[in-house]
């Protein structure tokens, strides 16, 4: 299952392949997907991505103007930005390919404005992944431990009296309210490299940590 680092790598991949590319037309959902329809249809738009813990967000930005012929005449392409929030489930990922090489489990497709068009697609073989249109980051998840470290740390230190920290550290590390982006492989690596017994009470491990790291 993709965890925090894989989501951030997927975000970097999308931003790389979408850089300096124009997309066009409808966002197409596969007939078997039960996720939200994306009622977005724009003649010219760009795509950017951001990540936070185990979630990734695509932003579709309509272009305000578009060059339509050699005489440099422009026409307006109206509309507001649309955001799509993704949770990758067990096997979700993003691909960028030609139409002929499109993955059979591509469940959401964005087409570039070129001939022949290329396709950015959300691929999910097991279909446990989900997306929501115009949805913001989940409120029941903590800040990102990699790129929002100080608020992530403060969220734990300020809530150390919460009864959840009575549980073993190996369980608490999977609680997304405090450790957004941490999954099975990361918790194993964290505990092993830290030399912490997995069934130690979480409060015994974390209590007394300063809100601001000593080395800042």
C-alpha atoms as a PDB file:
ATOM      1  CA  UNK A   1       0.000   0.000   0.000  1.00  0.00           C
ATOM      2  CA  UNK A   2       1.421   3.454  -0.886  1.00  0.00           C
ATOM      3  CA  UNK A   3       2.479   5.422   2.198  1.00  0.00           C
ATOM      4  CA  UNK A   4       3.596   9.022   2.678  1.00  0.00           C
ATOM      5  CA  UNK A   5       6.847   8.846   0.650  1.00  0.00           C
ATOM      6  CA  UNK A   6       5.170   7.057  -2.277  1.00  0.00           C
ATOM      7  CA  UNK A   7       2.398   9.669  -2.372  1.00  0.00           C
ATOM      8  CA  UNK A   8       4.996  12.434  -2.493  1.00  0.00           C
ATOM      9  CA  UNK A   9       6.867  10.633  -5.281  1.00  0.00           C
ATOM     10  CA  UNK A  10       3.599  10.322  -7.221  1.00  0.00           C
ATOM     11  CA  UNK A  11       3.051  14.055  -6.701  1.00  0.00           C
ATOM     12  CA  UNK A  12       6.528  14.840  -8.053  1.00  0.00           C
ATOM     13  CA  UNK A  13       5.913  12.552 -11.028  1.00  0.00           C
ATOM     14  CA  UNK A  14       2.639  14.282 -11.932  1.00  0.00           C
ATOM     15  CA  UNK A  15       4.170  17.746 -11.627  1.00  0.00           C
ATOM     16  CA  UNK A  16       7.100  16.642 -13.792  1.00  0.00           C
ATOM     17  CA  UNK A  17       5.077  15.160 -16.669  1.00  0.00           C
ATOM     18  CA  UNK A  18       2.480  17.967 -16.554  1.00  0.00           C
ATOM     19  CA  UNK A  19       5.020  20.777 -16.553  1.00  0.00           C
ATOM     20  CA  UNK A  20       4.575  22.994 -19.650  1.00  0.00           C
ATOM     21  CA  UNK A  21       1.723  20.797 -20.908  1.00  0.00           C
ATOM     22  CA  UNK A  22      -1.786  21.922 -21.786  1.00  0.00           C
ATOM     23  CA  UNK A  23      -4.732  19.580 -21.228  1.00  0.00           C
ATOM     24  CA  UNK A  24      -8.090  19.768 -22.963  1.00  0.00           C
ATOM     25  CA  UNK A  25     -11.599  18.348 -22.993  1.00  0.00           C
ATOM     26  CA  UNK A  26     -13.481  16.176 -20.549  1.00  0.00           C
ATOM     27  CA  UNK A  27     -12.077  14.249 -17.628  1.00  0.00           C
ATOM     28  CA  UNK A  28     -13.123  10.684 -18.400  1.00  0.00           C
ATOM     29  CA  UNK A  29     -14.067   8.138 -15.725  1.00  0.00           C
ATOM     30  CA  UNK A  30     -14.095   4.396 -16.400  1.00  0.00           C
ATOM     31  CA  UNK A  31     -17.499   2.710 -16.511  1.00  0.00           C
ATOM     32  CA  UNK A  32     -16.623   0.385 -13.629  1.00  0.00           C
ATOM     33  CA  UNK A  33     -15.530   3.067 -11.168  1.00  0.00           C
ATOM     34  CA  UNK A  34     -17.960   4.005  -8.395  1.00  0.00           C
ATOM     35  CA  UNK A  35     -16.084   7.180  -7.453  1.00  0.00           C
ATOM     36  CA  UNK A  36     -17.298  10.724  -8.099  1.00  0.00           C
ATOM     37  CA  UNK A  37     -17.979  11.895 -11.630  1.00  0.00           C
ATOM     38  CA  UNK A  38     -15.717  14.805 -12.560  1.00  0.00           C
ATOM     39  CA  UNK A  39     -17.916  17.296 -14.405  1.00  0.00           C
ATOM     40  CA  UNK A  40     -14.985  19.249 -15.778  1.00  0.00           C
ATOM     41  CA  UNK A  41     -14.799  20.090 -19.480  1.00  0.00           C
ATOM     42  CA  UNK A  42     -12.381  22.821 -20.515  1.00  0.00           C
ATOM     43  CA  UNK A  43     -10.752  23.650 -23.829  1.00  0.00           C
ATOM     44  CA  UNK A  44      -7.451  24.518 -22.185  1.00  0.00           C
ATOM     45  CA  UNK A  45      -6.227  23.791 -18.668  1.00  0.00           C
ATOM     46  CA  UNK A  46      -3.118  22.859 -16.706  1.00  0.00           C
ATOM     47  CA  UNK A  47      -2.652  20.229 -14.010  1.00  0.00           C
ATOM     48  CA  UNK A  48      -0.646  20.450 -10.788  1.00  0.00           C
ATOM     49  CA  UNK A  49      -0.383  18.158  -7.784  1.00  0.00           C
ATOM     50  CA  UNK A  50       0.236  18.463  -4.054  1.00  0.00           C
ATOM     51  CA  UNK A  51       0.549  15.811  -1.345  1.00  0.00           C
ATOM     52  CA  UNK A  52      -0.122  15.590   2.371  1.00  0.00           C
ATOM     53  CA  UNK A  53       0.435  12.334   4.249  1.00  0.00           C
ATOM     54  CA  UNK A  54      -1.540   9.585   2.518  1.00  0.00           C
ATOM     55  CA  UNK A  55      -3.561  11.977   0.355  1.00  0.00           C
ATOM     56  CA  UNK A  56      -2.801  13.657  -2.953  1.00  0.00           C
ATOM     57  CA  UNK A  57      -4.680  16.484  -4.623  1.00  0.00           C
ATOM     58  CA  UNK A  58      -4.837  17.384  -8.301  1.00  0.00           C
ATOM     59  CA  UNK A  59      -5.703  20.961  -9.234  1.00  0.00           C
ATOM     60  CA  UNK A  60      -7.128  21.637 -12.695  1.00  0.00           C
ATOM     61  CA  UNK A  61      -6.488  25.261 -13.669  1.00  0.00           C
ATOM     62  CA  UNK A  62      -8.490  26.625 -16.647  1.00  0.00           C
ATOM     63  CA  UNK A  63      -6.454  28.969 -18.824  1.00  0.00           C
ATOM     64  CA  UNK A  64      -7.826  32.501 -19.077  1.00  0.00           C
ATOM     65  CA  UNK A  65      -6.813  32.791 -22.723  1.00  0.00           C
ATOM     66  CA  UNK A  66      -5.791  30.519 -25.557  1.00  0.00           C
ATOM     67  CA  UNK A  67      -3.924  31.206 -28.817  1.00  0.00           C
ATOM     68  CA  UNK A  68      -6.114  29.734 -31.534  1.00  0.00           C
ATOM     69  CA  UNK A  69      -4.468  30.669 -34.834  1.00  0.00           C
ATOM     70  CA  UNK A  70      -1.389  32.096 -36.484  1.00  0.00           C
ATOM     71  CA  UNK A  71      -2.853  35.625 -36.515  1.00  0.00           C
ATOM     72  CA  UNK A  72      -2.558  35.594 -32.698  1.00  0.00           C
ATOM     73  CA  UNK A  73      -6.258  35.949 -32.075  1.00  0.00           C
ATOM     74  CA  UNK A  74      -7.364  34.806 -28.662  1.00  0.00           C
ATOM     75  CA  UNK A  75     -10.550  33.414 -27.231  1.00  0.00           C
ATOM     76  CA  UNK A  76     -11.582  33.122 -23.609  1.00  0.00           C
ATOM     77  CA  UNK A  77     -11.748  29.805 -21.773  1.00  0.00           C
ATOM     78  CA  UNK A  78     -13.815  30.458 -18.650  1.00  0.00           C
ATOM     79  CA  UNK A  79     -14.214  28.406 -15.500  1.00  0.00           C
ATOM     80  CA  UNK A  80     -12.942  27.958 -11.967  1.00  0.00           C
ATOM     81  CA  UNK A  81     -10.204  25.703 -10.675  1.00  0.00           C
ATOM     82  CA  UNK A  82     -11.347  22.185  -9.786  1.00  0.00           C
ATOM     83  CA  UNK A  83      -9.621  20.099  -7.129  1.00  0.00           C
ATOM     84  CA  UNK A  84      -9.685  16.303  -6.921  1.00  0.00           C
ATOM     85  CA  UNK A  85      -8.558  14.589  -3.715  1.00  0.00           C
ATOM     86  CA  UNK A  86      -7.112  11.073  -4.116  1.00  0.00           C
ATOM     87  CA  UNK A  87      -6.530   8.260  -1.642  1.00  0.00           C
ATOM     88  CA  UNK A  88      -4.527   5.518  -3.322  1.00  0.00           C
ATOM     89  CA  UNK A  89      -5.852   2.465  -1.487  1.00  0.00           C
ATOM     90  CA  UNK A  90      -3.808  -0.709  -2.046  1.00  0.00           C
ATOM     91  CA  UNK A  91      -2.626  -0.230  -5.618  1.00  0.00           C
ATOM     92  CA  UNK A  92      -3.346   3.313  -6.824  1.00  0.00           C
ATOM     93  CA  UNK A  93      -0.787   5.164  -8.953  1.00  0.00           C
ATOM     94  CA  UNK A  94      -0.529   7.723 -11.743  1.00  0.00           C
ATOM     95  CA  UNK A  95       0.621   6.873 -15.273  1.00  0.00           C
ATOM     96  CA  UNK A  96       1.434   9.083 -18.243  1.00  0.00           C
ATOM     97  CA  UNK A  97       1.187   7.394 -21.630  1.00  0.00           C
ATOM     98  CA  UNK A  98      -0.111   7.501 -25.168  1.00  0.00           C
ATOM     99  CA  UNK A  99      -3.711   6.423 -25.784  1.00  0.00           C
ATOM    100  CA  UNK A 100      -2.445   3.196 -27.365  1.00  0.00           C
ATOM    101  CA  UNK A 101      -0.489   2.335 -24.205  1.00  0.00           C
ATOM    102  CA  UNK A 102      -3.272   3.216 -21.775  1.00  0.00           C
ATOM    103  CA  UNK A 103      -3.448   0.822 -18.820  1.00  0.00           C
ATOM    104  CA  UNK A 104      -6.600  -1.329 -18.772  1.00  0.00           C
ATOM    105  CA  UNK A 105      -7.198  -0.297 -15.156  1.00  0.00           C
ATOM    106  CA  UNK A 106      -6.997   3.444 -15.840  1.00  0.00           C
ATOM    107  CA  UNK A 107     -10.065   4.757 -13.994  1.00  0.00           C
ATOM    108  CA  UNK A 108      -9.708   8.526 -14.412  1.00  0.00           C
ATOM    109  CA  UNK A 109      -8.142  10.082 -17.513  1.00  0.00           C
ATOM    110  CA  UNK A 110      -6.917  13.567 -18.418  1.00  0.00           C
ATOM    111  CA  UNK A 111      -6.034  14.232 -22.071  1.00  0.00           C
ATOM    112  CA  UNK A 112      -3.373  16.631 -23.306  1.00  0.00           C
ATOM    113  CA  UNK A 113      -4.063  19.167 -26.055  1.00  0.00           C
ATOM    114  CA  UNK A 114      -1.708  17.790 -28.691  1.00  0.00           C
ATOM    115  CA  UNK A 115      -1.844  15.440 -31.652  1.00  0.00           C
ATOM    116  CA  UNK A 116      -1.887  12.608 -30.848  1.00  0.00           C
ATOM    117  CA  UNK A 117      -2.928  13.321 -27.251  1.00  0.00           C
ATOM    118  CA  UNK A 118      -1.121  11.905 -24.239  1.00  0.00           C
ATOM    119  CA  UNK A 119      -3.018  10.733 -21.173  1.00  0.00           C
ATOM    120  CA  UNK A 120      -2.451  11.271 -17.468  1.00  0.00           C
ATOM    121  CA  UNK A 121      -4.398   8.528 -15.724  1.00  0.00           C
ATOM    122  CA  UNK A 122      -5.135   7.259 -12.234  1.00  0.00           C
ATOM    123  CA  UNK A 123      -4.525   3.512 -12.387  1.00  0.00           C
ATOM    124  CA  UNK A 124      -5.864   1.209  -9.692  1.00  0.00           C
ATOM    125  CA  UNK A 125      -5.858  -2.527 -10.326  1.00  0.00           C
ATOM    126  CA  UNK A 126      -7.700  -3.476  -7.136  1.00  0.00           C
ATOM    127  CA  UNK A 127     -10.029  -0.456  -7.135  1.00  0.00           C
ATOM    128  CA  UNK A 128      -9.628   0.315  -3.425  1.00  0.00           C
ATOM    129  CA  UNK A 129      -8.471   3.841  -4.245  1.00  0.00           C
ATOM    130  CA  UNK A 130     -10.911   6.741  -4.092  1.00  0.00           C
ATOM    131  CA  UNK A 131     -11.223  10.329  -5.273  1.00  0.00           C
ATOM    132  CA  UNK A 132     -13.521  13.174  -4.287  1.00  0.00           C
ATOM    133  CA  UNK A 133     -14.201  16.317  -6.319  1.00  0.00           C
ATOM    134  CA  UNK A 134     -13.626  19.727  -4.705  1.00  0.00           C
ATOM    135  CA  UNK A 135     -12.757  18.114  -1.397  1.00  0.00           C
ATOM    136  CA  UNK A 136     -10.089  19.553   0.868  1.00  0.00           C
ATOM    137  CA  UNK A 137      -7.571  17.602   2.960  1.00  0.00           C
ATOM    138  CA  UNK A 138      -9.254  15.290   5.473  1.00  0.00           C
ATOM    139  CA  UNK A 139      -9.760  17.024   8.820  1.00  0.00           C
ATOM    140  CA  UNK A 140      -9.237  13.782  10.750  1.00  0.00           C
ATOM    141  CA  UNK A 141      -5.618  13.434   9.543  1.00  0.00           C
ATOM    142  CA  UNK A 142      -2.560  15.029  11.098  1.00  0.00           C
ATOM    143  CA  UNK A 143      -0.217  17.475   9.352  1.00  0.00           C
ATOM    144  CA  UNK A 144       2.375  15.938   7.053  1.00  0.00           C
ATOM    145  CA  UNK A 145       5.371  14.573   9.048  1.00  0.00           C
ATOM    146  CA  UNK A 146       7.865  15.356   6.257  1.00  0.00           C
ATOM    147  CA  UNK A 147       6.873  18.810   5.065  1.00  0.00           C
ATOM    148  CA  UNK A 148       4.852  20.166   8.004  1.00  0.00           C
ATOM    149  CA  UNK A 149       7.130  18.748  10.671  1.00  0.00           C
ATOM    150  CA  UNK A 150       6.746  21.395  13.372  1.00  0.00           C
ATOM    151  CA  UNK A 151       2.922  21.387  13.385  1.00  0.00           C
ATOM    152  CA  UNK A 152       2.999  17.590  13.067  1.00  0.00           C
ATOM    153  CA  UNK A 153       5.237  17.391  16.161  1.00  0.00           C
ATOM    154  CA  UNK A 154       3.181  19.959  18.076  1.00  0.00           C
ATOM    155  CA  UNK A 155      -0.001  17.978  17.396  1.00  0.00           C
ATOM    156  CA  UNK A 156       1.504  14.983  19.202  1.00  0.00           C
ATOM    157  CA  UNK A 157       3.154  16.841  22.100  1.00  0.00           C
ATOM    158  CA  UNK A 158       0.055  18.924  22.860  1.00  0.00           C
ATOM    159  CA  UNK A 159      -2.227  15.853  22.813  1.00  0.00           C
ATOM    160  CA  UNK A 160      -0.005  13.375  24.669  1.00  0.00           C
ATOM    161  CA  UNK A 161      -2.662  13.000  27.397  1.00  0.00           C
ATOM    162  CA  UNK A 162      -5.086  11.548  24.831  1.00  0.00           C
ATOM    163  CA  UNK A 163      -6.039   7.990  25.749  1.00  0.00           C
ATOM    164  CA  UNK A 164      -4.850   6.744  22.345  1.00  0.00           C
ATOM    165  CA  UNK A 165      -1.271   7.022  23.651  1.00  0.00           C
ATOM    166  CA  UNK A 166      -2.065   4.332  26.252  1.00  0.00           C
ATOM    167  CA  UNK A 167      -1.870   1.826  23.405  1.00  0.00           C
ATOM    168  CA  UNK A 168       1.339   0.138  22.126  1.00  0.00           C
ATOM    169  CA  UNK A 169       3.514   2.378  19.977  1.00  0.00           C
ATOM    170  CA  UNK A 170       3.230  -0.080  17.071  1.00  0.00           C
ATOM    171  CA  UNK A 171      -0.529   0.565  16.983  1.00  0.00           C
ATOM    172  CA  UNK A 172      -0.415   4.300  17.577  1.00  0.00           C
ATOM    173  CA  UNK A 173       1.990   4.859  14.677  1.00  0.00           C
ATOM    174  CA  UNK A 174      -0.829   3.758  12.356  1.00  0.00           C
ATOM    175  CA  UNK A 175      -3.291   6.312  13.782  1.00  0.00           C
ATOM    176  CA  UNK A 176      -3.633   8.854  10.960  1.00  0.00           C
ATOM    177  CA  UNK A 177      -4.929  11.523  13.363  1.00  0.00           C
ATOM    178  CA  UNK A 178      -1.375  11.780  14.660  1.00  0.00           C
ATOM    179  CA  UNK A 179       0.851  10.000  12.118  1.00  0.00           C
ATOM    180  CA  UNK A 180      -0.556  10.848   8.713  1.00  0.00           C
ATOM    181  CA  UNK A 181       1.306   8.925   6.004  1.00  0.00           C
ATOM    182  CA  UNK A 182       2.704   6.186   8.251  1.00  0.00           C
ATOM    183  CA  UNK A 183       1.817   2.591   7.336  1.00  0.00           C
ATOM    184  CA  UNK A 184       3.060  -0.911   8.045  1.00  0.00           C
ATOM    185  CA  UNK A 185       6.484  -0.745   6.436  1.00  0.00           C
ATOM    186  CA  UNK A 186       7.309   2.712   7.797  1.00  0.00           C
ATOM    187  CA  UNK A 187       6.338   1.889  11.376  1.00  0.00           C
ATOM    188  CA  UNK A 188       8.535  -1.226  11.224  1.00  0.00           C
ATOM    189  CA  UNK A 189      11.494   0.796   9.925  1.00  0.00           C
ATOM    190  CA  UNK A 190      10.949   3.596  12.459  1.00  0.00           C
ATOM    191  CA  UNK A 191      10.789   1.280  15.463  1.00  0.00           C
ATOM    192  CA  UNK A 192      13.710  -0.877  14.323  1.00  0.00           C
ATOM    193  CA  UNK A 193      16.017   2.046  13.597  1.00  0.00           C
ATOM    194  CA  UNK A 194      15.017   3.746  16.850  1.00  0.00           C
ATOM    195  CA  UNK A 195      15.594   0.600  18.892  1.00  0.00           C
ATOM    196  CA  UNK A 196      12.077   0.788  20.377  1.00  0.00           C
ATOM    197  CA  UNK A 197      10.226  -2.390  21.366  1.00  0.00           C
ATOM    198  CA  UNK A 198       6.967  -2.350  19.349  1.00  0.00           C
ATOM    199  CA  UNK A 199       4.632  -3.104  22.269  1.00  0.00           C
ATOM    200  CA  UNK A 200       5.980  -0.356  24.514  1.00  0.00           C
ATOM    201  CA  UNK A 201       3.217   2.023  25.595  1.00  0.00           C
ATOM    202  CA  UNK A 202       3.251   4.988  23.222  1.00  0.00           C
ATOM    203  CA  UNK A 203       3.100   7.543  26.047  1.00  0.00           C
ATOM    204  CA  UNK A 204       6.239   6.058  27.596  1.00  0.00           C
ATOM    205  CA  UNK A 205       8.058   6.629  24.317  1.00  0.00           C
ATOM    206  CA  UNK A 206       6.747  10.102  23.488  1.00  0.00           C
ATOM    207  CA  UNK A 207       6.003  11.787  26.810  1.00  0.00           C
ATOM    208  CA  UNK A 208       8.452  14.525  27.727  1.00  0.00           C
ATOM    209  CA  UNK A 209       9.437  15.399  24.178  1.00  0.00           C
ATOM    210  CA  UNK A 210       9.779  19.188  23.798  1.00  0.00           C
ATOM    211  CA  UNK A 211       7.438  20.846  21.324  1.00  0.00           C
ATOM    212  CA  UNK A 212      10.451  22.430  19.630  1.00  0.00           C
ATOM    213  CA  UNK A 213      13.259  19.952  18.818  1.00  0.00           C
ATOM    214  CA  UNK A 214      16.451  20.592  20.758  1.00  0.00           C
ATOM    215  CA  UNK A 215      18.479  20.854  17.535  1.00  0.00           C
ATOM    216  CA  UNK A 216      15.616  22.791  15.861  1.00  0.00           C
END
